[in-house]
């Protein structure tokens, strides 16, 4: 999914390295060496954050 989105942004100088894009679970720069714009990947756990926010809302005073 990331590659298909980024591929539509090449006119802005956004290009990713397909091999770097395969790496999971790490903070990493997946840009090609000569890209005008950096693409950084930061792993998240969105499901956990949604659960924690929901719990906090349900348990408000």
N, C-alpha and C. Protein backbone atom coordinates (compact mmCIF):
# COMPACT_ATOMS: atom_id res chain seq x y z
N UNK A 1 0.82 -1.19 0.00
CA UNK A 1 0.00 0.00 0.00
C UNK A 1 0.87 1.26 0.00
N UNK A 2 1.89 1.26 0.84
CA UNK A 2 2.78 2.43 0.92
C UNK A 2 3.38 2.73 -0.44
N UNK A 3 3.86 1.71 -1.14
CA UNK A 3 4.50 1.91 -2.43
C UNK A 3 3.54 2.52 -3.44
N UNK A 4 2.30 2.08 -3.46
CA UNK A 4 1.35 2.63 -4.44
C UNK A 4 1.05 4.10 -4.15
N UNK A 5 1.02 4.47 -2.88
CA UNK A 5 0.80 5.88 -2.53
C UNK A 5 2.02 6.71 -2.91
N UNK A 6 3.19 6.24 -2.52
CA UNK A 6 4.43 6.99 -2.78
C UNK A 6 4.71 7.09 -4.27
N UNK A 7 4.38 6.07 -5.03
CA UNK A 7 4.63 6.12 -6.48
C UNK A 7 3.86 7.24 -7.16
N UNK A 8 2.77 7.68 -6.57
CA UNK A 8 2.02 8.79 -7.16
C UNK A 8 2.62 10.15 -6.77
N UNK A 9 3.68 10.15 -5.97
CA UNK A 9 4.29 11.40 -5.50
C UNK A 9 5.69 11.63 -6.08
N UNK A 10 6.07 10.88 -7.09
CA UNK A 10 7.42 11.05 -7.65
C UNK A 10 7.66 12.45 -8.20
N UNK A 11 6.61 13.12 -8.66
CA UNK A 11 6.78 14.48 -9.17
C UNK A 11 7.23 15.46 -8.08
N UNK A 12 7.07 15.05 -6.81
CA UNK A 12 7.53 15.86 -5.69
C UNK A 12 8.93 15.46 -5.22
N UNK A 13 9.52 14.49 -5.89
CA UNK A 13 10.84 14.02 -5.51
C UNK A 13 10.82 12.92 -4.48
N UNK A 14 9.66 12.30 -4.29
CA UNK A 14 9.51 11.22 -3.32
C UNK A 14 9.72 9.90 -4.05
N UNK A 15 10.74 9.16 -3.64
CA UNK A 15 11.02 7.83 -4.22
C UNK A 15 11.49 6.92 -3.11
N UNK A 16 10.97 5.68 -3.12
CA UNK A 16 11.40 4.73 -2.09
C UNK A 16 12.16 3.57 -2.72
N UNK A 17 13.03 3.01 -1.91
CA UNK A 17 13.80 1.83 -2.29
C UNK A 17 12.92 0.61 -2.00
N UNK A 18 12.58 -0.18 -3.02
CA UNK A 18 11.69 -1.33 -2.81
C UNK A 18 12.22 -2.33 -1.78
N UNK A 19 13.53 -2.52 -1.70
CA UNK A 19 14.09 -3.46 -0.72
C UNK A 19 13.98 -2.91 0.70
N UNK A 20 14.27 -1.63 0.87
CA UNK A 20 14.14 -1.02 2.19
C UNK A 20 12.67 -1.01 2.63
N UNK A 21 11.76 -0.87 1.67
CA UNK A 21 10.34 -0.84 1.98
C UNK A 21 9.84 -2.17 2.54
N UNK A 22 10.56 -3.25 2.30
CA UNK A 22 10.16 -4.58 2.79
C UNK A 22 10.50 -4.77 4.27
N UNK A 23 11.37 -3.92 4.82
CA UNK A 23 11.79 -4.05 6.22
C UNK A 23 10.64 -3.64 7.13
N UNK A 24 10.35 -4.46 8.12
CA UNK A 24 9.22 -4.21 9.02
C UNK A 24 9.70 -4.05 10.46
N UNK A 25 8.97 -3.27 11.23
CA UNK A 25 9.21 -3.17 12.66
C UNK A 25 10.37 -2.31 13.10
N UNK A 26 10.90 -1.47 12.20
CA UNK A 26 12.05 -0.61 12.53
C UNK A 26 11.78 0.82 12.08
N UNK A 27 12.39 1.76 12.80
CA UNK A 27 12.43 3.13 12.29
C UNK A 27 13.50 3.13 11.20
N UNK A 28 13.13 3.56 10.01
CA UNK A 28 14.06 3.48 8.88
C UNK A 28 13.72 4.53 7.83
N UNK A 29 14.74 5.00 7.15
CA UNK A 29 14.58 5.87 5.99
C UNK A 29 14.52 4.95 4.77
N UNK A 30 13.38 4.93 4.09
CA UNK A 30 13.23 4.02 2.94
C UNK A 30 13.39 4.74 1.61
N UNK A 31 13.89 5.97 1.65
CA UNK A 31 14.10 6.74 0.43
C UNK A 31 15.25 6.17 -0.38
N UNK A 32 15.22 6.41 -1.69
CA UNK A 32 16.38 6.09 -2.51
C UNK A 32 17.48 7.10 -2.17
N UNK A 33 18.71 6.76 -2.49
CA UNK A 33 19.86 7.61 -2.13
C UNK A 33 19.73 9.05 -2.59
N UNK A 34 19.31 9.28 -3.82
CA UNK A 34 19.31 10.62 -4.39
C UNK A 34 17.93 11.29 -4.37
N UNK A 35 17.04 10.83 -3.53
CA UNK A 35 15.69 11.41 -3.47
C UNK A 35 15.75 12.84 -2.95
N UNK A 36 14.90 13.70 -3.49
CA UNK A 36 14.82 15.09 -3.02
C UNK A 36 14.07 15.18 -1.70
N UNK A 37 13.30 14.16 -1.38
CA UNK A 37 12.48 14.16 -0.17
C UNK A 37 12.68 12.83 0.55
N UNK A 38 12.85 12.87 1.86
CA UNK A 38 13.05 11.66 2.65
C UNK A 38 11.70 11.03 2.99
N UNK A 39 11.66 9.71 3.03
CA UNK A 39 10.48 8.97 3.48
C UNK A 39 10.91 8.14 4.68
N UNK A 40 10.38 8.48 5.84
CA UNK A 40 10.74 7.80 7.08
C UNK A 40 9.58 6.91 7.53
N UNK A 41 9.91 5.71 7.98
CA UNK A 41 8.92 4.78 8.50
C UNK A 41 9.10 4.72 10.01
N UNK A 42 8.01 4.91 10.73
CA UNK A 42 8.03 4.81 12.19
C UNK A 42 6.94 3.82 12.58
N UNK A 43 7.33 2.66 13.12
CA UNK A 43 6.32 1.66 13.49
C UNK A 43 5.41 2.16 14.60
N UNK A 44 4.15 1.80 14.50
CA UNK A 44 3.17 2.18 15.52
C UNK A 44 2.30 0.99 15.86
N UNK A 45 1.56 1.13 16.93
CA UNK A 45 0.57 0.12 17.30
C UNK A 45 -0.76 0.85 17.43
N UNK A 46 -1.38 1.15 16.29
CA UNK A 46 -2.60 1.95 16.28
C UNK A 46 -3.74 1.27 17.01
N UNK A 47 -3.83 -0.05 16.91
CA UNK A 47 -4.91 -0.76 17.59
C UNK A 47 -4.82 -0.59 19.10
N UNK A 48 -3.60 -0.64 19.64
CA UNK A 48 -3.41 -0.45 21.07
C UNK A 48 -3.82 0.97 21.48
N UNK A 49 -3.44 1.96 20.70
CA UNK A 49 -3.80 3.34 21.03
C UNK A 49 -5.32 3.53 21.00
N UNK A 50 -6.00 2.95 20.03
CA UNK A 50 -7.46 3.04 19.96
C UNK A 50 -8.07 2.40 21.19
N UNK A 51 -7.57 1.23 21.57
CA UNK A 51 -8.09 0.53 22.76
C UNK A 51 -7.87 1.35 24.02
N UNK A 52 -6.69 1.94 24.16
CA UNK A 52 -6.39 2.74 25.35
C UNK A 52 -7.27 3.99 25.42
N UNK A 53 -7.45 4.66 24.28
CA UNK A 53 -8.30 5.85 24.25
C UNK A 53 -9.75 5.49 24.56
N UNK A 54 -10.22 4.37 24.01
CA UNK A 54 -11.59 3.92 24.28
C UNK A 54 -11.76 3.61 25.76
N UNK A 55 -10.80 2.92 26.34
CA UNK A 55 -10.85 2.59 27.77
C UNK A 55 -10.93 3.86 28.61
N UNK A 56 -10.11 4.85 28.26
CA UNK A 56 -10.09 6.11 29.01
C UNK A 56 -11.44 6.82 28.90
N UNK A 57 -12.04 6.83 27.71
CA UNK A 57 -13.34 7.48 27.53
C UNK A 57 -14.44 6.77 28.32
N UNK A 58 -14.44 5.46 28.28
CA UNK A 58 -15.47 4.67 28.96
C UNK A 58 -15.37 4.85 30.47
N UNK A 59 -14.16 5.05 30.98
CA UNK A 59 -13.95 5.13 32.42
C UNK A 59 -13.86 6.56 32.96
N UNK A 60 -14.26 7.53 32.16
CA UNK A 60 -14.26 8.92 32.64
C UNK A 60 -15.34 9.08 33.71
N UNK A 61 -15.00 9.87 34.74
CA UNK A 61 -15.82 10.13 35.89
C UNK A 61 -17.25 10.21 35.71
